[in-house]
Amino acid sequence: MVKWMVNILLRLAPDRPETSAQSIEQSLLNSPSIPDLMEEAEALFAQLDEFSLLIYRYGVPASTREHLFTTAGNCEHLLVHVNACKY
């Protein structure tokens, strides 16, 4: 994931004025293309989604899961809870 983020930053970051065109071209040749990065992003999203489900299923106690499920429609209650957690 970090490698993907670095590749995205290399694609998005502006080139410095003193950088030669040859250097810019070489760096782009050595990095993944935009379609490849998009494909990687979709795969990463699927992996992170699965990981989140595993954490929720096995890392969150059942009582907490039940509490989150039953209070999902009660936004004011959740807002009070979130504000209580702020620093």
N, C-alpha and C. Protein backbone atom coordinates (compact mmCIF):
# COMPACT_ATOMS: atom_id res chain seq x y z
N MET A 1 0.82 -1.18 0.00
CA MET A 1 0.00 0.00 0.00
C MET A 1 0.88 1.26 0.00
N VAL A 2 1.94 1.23 0.77
CA VAL A 2 2.84 2.39 0.81
C VAL A 2 3.49 2.59 -0.57
N LYS A 3 3.88 1.51 -1.20
CA LYS A 3 4.48 1.61 -2.53
C LYS A 3 3.49 2.23 -3.52
N TRP A 4 2.23 1.82 -3.43
CA TRP A 4 1.20 2.38 -4.30
C TRP A 4 1.05 3.88 -4.05
N MET A 5 1.03 4.28 -2.78
CA MET A 5 0.88 5.70 -2.45
C MET A 5 2.07 6.51 -2.96
N VAL A 6 3.27 5.97 -2.86
CA VAL A 6 4.45 6.67 -3.37
C VAL A 6 4.36 6.83 -4.88
N ASN A 7 3.92 5.77 -5.56
CA ASN A 7 3.77 5.86 -7.02
C ASN A 7 2.73 6.89 -7.42
N ILE A 8 1.64 6.97 -6.66
CA ILE A 8 0.62 8.00 -6.94
C ILE A 8 1.22 9.39 -6.74
N LEU A 9 1.95 9.58 -5.65
CA LEU A 9 2.56 10.89 -5.39
C LEU A 9 3.57 11.27 -6.47
N LEU A 10 4.33 10.29 -6.95
CA LEU A 10 5.28 10.57 -8.02
C LEU A 10 4.57 11.01 -9.29
N ARG A 11 3.40 10.44 -9.54
CA ARG A 11 2.63 10.83 -10.73
C ARG A 11 1.98 12.21 -10.55
N LEU A 12 1.54 12.51 -9.32
CA LEU A 12 0.78 13.74 -9.09
C LEU A 12 1.65 14.95 -8.76
N ALA A 13 2.81 14.72 -8.19
CA ALA A 13 3.66 15.83 -7.76
C ALA A 13 4.18 16.61 -8.97
N PRO A 14 4.16 17.93 -8.86
CA PRO A 14 4.69 18.73 -9.98
C PRO A 14 6.20 18.56 -10.09
N ASP A 15 6.68 18.66 -11.31
CA ASP A 15 8.12 18.56 -11.54
C ASP A 15 8.77 19.89 -11.19
N ARG A 16 9.97 19.80 -10.68
CA ARG A 16 10.72 21.01 -10.36
C ARG A 16 11.18 21.66 -11.67
N PRO A 17 11.22 22.96 -11.70
CA PRO A 17 11.60 23.65 -12.95
C PRO A 17 12.98 23.26 -13.47
N GLU A 18 13.91 22.97 -12.56
CA GLU A 18 15.27 22.64 -13.00
C GLU A 18 15.45 21.18 -13.43
N THR A 19 14.39 20.37 -13.32
CA THR A 19 14.47 18.97 -13.72
C THR A 19 14.42 18.86 -15.24
N SER A 20 15.33 18.08 -15.79
CA SER A 20 15.39 17.94 -17.25
C SER A 20 14.23 17.07 -17.75
N ALA A 21 13.85 17.30 -19.00
CA ALA A 21 12.77 16.53 -19.61
C ALA A 21 13.15 15.04 -19.68
N GLN A 22 14.43 14.76 -19.91
CA GLN A 22 14.90 13.38 -19.99
C GLN A 22 14.74 12.69 -18.62
N SER A 23 15.04 13.39 -17.58
CA SER A 23 14.90 12.84 -16.23
C SER A 23 13.44 12.55 -15.90
N ILE A 24 12.56 13.46 -16.28
CA ILE A 24 11.13 13.28 -16.03
C ILE A 24 10.62 12.07 -16.80
N GLU A 25 11.01 11.98 -18.06
CA GLU A 25 10.58 10.86 -18.91
C GLU A 25 11.08 9.54 -18.34
N GLN A 26 12.32 9.51 -17.89
CA GLN A 26 12.90 8.28 -17.32
C GLN A 26 12.15 7.86 -16.05
N SER A 27 11.81 8.82 -15.21
CA SER A 27 11.10 8.48 -13.98
C SER A 27 9.70 7.94 -14.28
N LEU A 28 9.05 8.47 -15.32
CA LEU A 28 7.74 7.97 -15.70
C LEU A 28 7.81 6.58 -16.33
N LEU A 29 8.89 6.32 -17.04
CA LEU A 29 9.06 4.99 -17.63
C LEU A 29 9.25 3.92 -16.55
N ASN A 30 9.87 4.30 -15.45
CA ASN A 30 10.15 3.34 -14.38
C ASN A 30 9.01 3.19 -13.38
N SER A 31 7.94 3.96 -13.56
CA SER A 31 6.82 3.87 -12.62
C SER A 31 5.60 3.28 -13.33
N PRO A 32 4.67 2.72 -12.58
CA PRO A 32 3.47 2.13 -13.19
C PRO A 32 2.61 3.18 -13.90
N SER A 33 1.88 2.74 -14.90
CA SER A 33 1.00 3.64 -15.64
C SER A 33 -0.25 3.94 -14.79
N ILE A 34 -0.99 4.94 -15.20
CA ILE A 34 -2.22 5.32 -14.49
C ILE A 34 -3.22 4.15 -14.47
N PRO A 35 -3.47 3.47 -15.60
CA PRO A 35 -4.39 2.31 -15.53
C PRO A 35 -3.89 1.22 -14.58
N ASP A 36 -2.58 1.00 -14.55
CA ASP A 36 -2.03 0.00 -13.61
C ASP A 36 -2.25 0.43 -12.17
N LEU A 37 -2.07 1.72 -11.89
CA LEU A 37 -2.29 2.23 -10.54
C LEU A 37 -3.76 2.12 -10.15
N MET A 38 -4.66 2.36 -11.09
CA MET A 38 -6.10 2.23 -10.82
C MET A 38 -6.45 0.78 -10.52
N GLU A 39 -5.88 -0.12 -11.28
CA GLU A 39 -6.12 -1.56 -11.06
C GLU A 39 -5.62 -1.98 -9.68
N GLU A 40 -4.43 -1.49 -9.34
CA GLU A 40 -3.88 -1.77 -8.01
C GLU A 40 -4.76 -1.20 -6.91
N ALA A 41 -5.31 -0.01 -7.13
CA ALA A 41 -6.18 0.63 -6.14
C ALA A 41 -7.42 -0.22 -5.90
N GLU A 42 -8.00 -0.75 -6.96
CA GLU A 42 -9.18 -1.60 -6.80
C GLU A 42 -8.84 -2.87 -6.00
N ALA A 43 -7.69 -3.45 -6.28
CA ALA A 43 -7.27 -4.64 -5.54
C ALA A 43 -7.01 -4.30 -4.07
N LEU A 44 -6.36 -3.16 -3.83
CA LEU A 44 -6.11 -2.73 -2.45
C LEU A 44 -7.41 -2.46 -1.71
N PHE A 45 -8.37 -1.85 -2.39
CA PHE A 45 -9.65 -1.57 -1.77
C PHE A 45 -10.32 -2.88 -1.33
N ALA A 46 -10.31 -3.87 -2.20
CA ALA A 46 -10.92 -5.16 -1.86
C ALA A 46 -10.22 -5.79 -0.66
N GLN A 47 -8.89 -5.72 -0.62
CA GLN A 47 -8.14 -6.29 0.50
C GLN A 47 -8.43 -5.54 1.79
N LEU A 48 -8.48 -4.21 1.73
CA LEU A 48 -8.76 -3.42 2.93
C LEU A 48 -10.19 -3.64 3.41
N ASP A 49 -11.12 -3.81 2.48
CA ASP A 49 -12.50 -4.09 2.85
C ASP A 49 -12.60 -5.41 3.60
N GLU A 50 -11.94 -6.43 3.09
CA GLU A 50 -11.93 -7.73 3.75
C GLU A 50 -11.26 -7.64 5.11
N PHE A 51 -10.17 -6.92 5.19
CA PHE A 51 -9.45 -6.75 6.46
C PHE A 51 -10.34 -6.03 7.49
N SER A 52 -11.06 -5.00 7.04
CA SER A 52 -11.96 -4.28 7.94
C SER A 52 -13.05 -5.20 8.48
N LEU A 53 -13.59 -6.04 7.60
CA LEU A 53 -14.62 -6.98 8.05
C LEU A 53 -14.06 -7.96 9.08
N LEU A 54 -12.84 -8.43 8.86
CA LEU A 54 -12.22 -9.35 9.81
C LEU A 54 -12.00 -8.68 11.17
N ILE A 55 -11.54 -7.44 11.14
CA ILE A 55 -11.34 -6.71 12.40
C ILE A 55 -12.68 -6.53 13.11
N TYR A 56 -13.69 -6.16 12.34
CA TYR A 56 -15.01 -5.95 12.94
C TYR A 56 -15.54 -7.26 13.53
N ARG A 57 -15.38 -8.35 12.77
CA ARG A 57 -15.93 -9.63 13.19
C ARG A 57 -15.19 -10.22 14.38
N TYR A 58 -13.85 -10.14 14.37
CA TYR A 58 -13.07 -10.83 15.40
C TYR A 58 -12.40 -9.89 16.40
N GLY A 59 -12.31 -8.61 16.08
CA GLY A 59 -11.61 -7.68 16.96
C GLY A 59 -12.52 -6.80 17.78
N VAL A 60 -13.80 -6.76 17.42
CA VAL A 60 -14.75 -5.93 18.16
C VAL A 60 -15.66 -6.86 18.96
N PRO A 61 -15.74 -6.66 20.26
CA PRO A 61 -16.60 -7.54 21.08
C PRO A 61 -18.05 -7.52 20.59
N ALA A 62 -18.73 -8.64 20.76
CA ALA A 62 -20.12 -8.78 20.29
C ALA A 62 -21.02 -7.71 20.89
N SER A 63 -20.81 -7.37 22.15
CA SER A 63 -21.67 -6.36 22.78
C SER A 63 -21.50 -5.00 22.11
N THR A 64 -20.29 -4.67 21.71
CA THR A 64 -20.04 -3.40 21.03
C THR A 64 -20.66 -3.42 19.64
N ARG A 65 -20.52 -4.55 18.93
CA ARG A 65 -21.13 -4.68 17.61
C ARG A 65 -22.64 -4.50 17.71
N GLU A 66 -23.25 -5.13 18.71
CA GLU A 66 -24.70 -5.02 18.90
C GLU A 66 -25.08 -3.57 19.20
N HIS A 67 -24.29 -2.90 20.02
CA HIS A 67 -24.55 -1.50 20.36
C HIS A 67 -24.47 -0.62 19.11
N LEU A 68 -23.46 -0.84 18.28
CA LEU A 68 -23.31 -0.06 17.06
C LEU A 68 -24.47 -0.31 16.11
N PHE A 69 -24.90 -1.56 16.04
CA PHE A 69 -26.00 -1.92 15.14
C PHE A 69 -27.31 -1.29 15.61
N THR A 70 -27.58 -1.35 16.89
CA THR A 70 -28.86 -0.84 17.41
C THR A 70 -28.91 0.67 17.45
N THR A 71 -27.77 1.35 17.52
CA THR A 71 -27.77 2.82 17.58
C THR A 71 -27.47 3.46 16.24
N ALA A 72 -27.38 2.67 15.18
CA ALA A 72 -27.00 3.22 13.87
C ALA A 72 -27.99 4.27 13.39
N GLY A 73 -29.27 4.13 13.71
CA GLY A 73 -30.25 5.11 13.28
C GLY A 73 -30.37 6.30 14.20
N ASN A 74 -29.74 6.23 15.36
CA ASN A 74 -29.83 7.30 16.35
C ASN A 74 -28.61 8.19 16.23
N CYS A 75 -28.64 9.10 15.27
CA CYS A 75 -27.47 9.94 14.97
C CYS A 75 -27.08 10.84 16.13
N GLU A 76 -28.09 11.38 16.85
CA GLU A 76 -27.77 12.28 17.96
C GLU A 76 -26.99 11.54 19.04
N HIS A 77 -27.40 10.30 19.32
CA HIS A 77 -26.69 9.50 20.32
C HIS A 77 -25.24 9.27 19.88
N LEU A 78 -25.06 8.94 18.59
CA LEU A 78 -23.70 8.71 18.10
C LEU A 78 -22.87 9.99 18.14
N LEU A 79 -23.49 11.12 17.84
CA LEU A 79 -22.77 12.38 17.87
C LEU A 79 -22.31 12.70 19.29
N VAL A 80 -23.16 12.45 20.28
CA VAL A 80 -22.76 12.65 21.68
C VAL A 80 -21.59 11.74 22.02
N HIS A 81 -21.67 10.48 21.56
CA HIS A 81 -20.59 9.52 21.83
C HIS A 81 -19.28 9.97 21.18
N VAL A 82 -19.36 10.43 19.94
CA VAL A 82 -18.16 10.88 19.23
C VAL A 82 -17.57 12.12 19.91
N ASN A 83 -18.42 13.05 20.29
CA ASN A 83 -17.93 14.26 20.97
C ASN A 83 -17.29 13.93 22.30
N ALA A 84 -17.77 12.90 22.98
CA ALA A 84 -17.19 12.49 24.24
C ALA A 84 -15.79 11.91 24.04
N CYS A 85 -15.53 11.38 22.85
CA CYS A 85 -14.23 10.77 22.56
C CYS A 85 -13.18 11.76 22.09
N LYS A 86 -13.58 12.99 21.78
CA LYS A 86 -12.63 13.99 21.29
C LYS A 86 -11.66 14.37 22.40
N TYR A 87 -10.51 14.83 21.99
CA TYR A 87 -9.47 15.21 22.95
C TYR A 87 -9.83 16.45 23.69
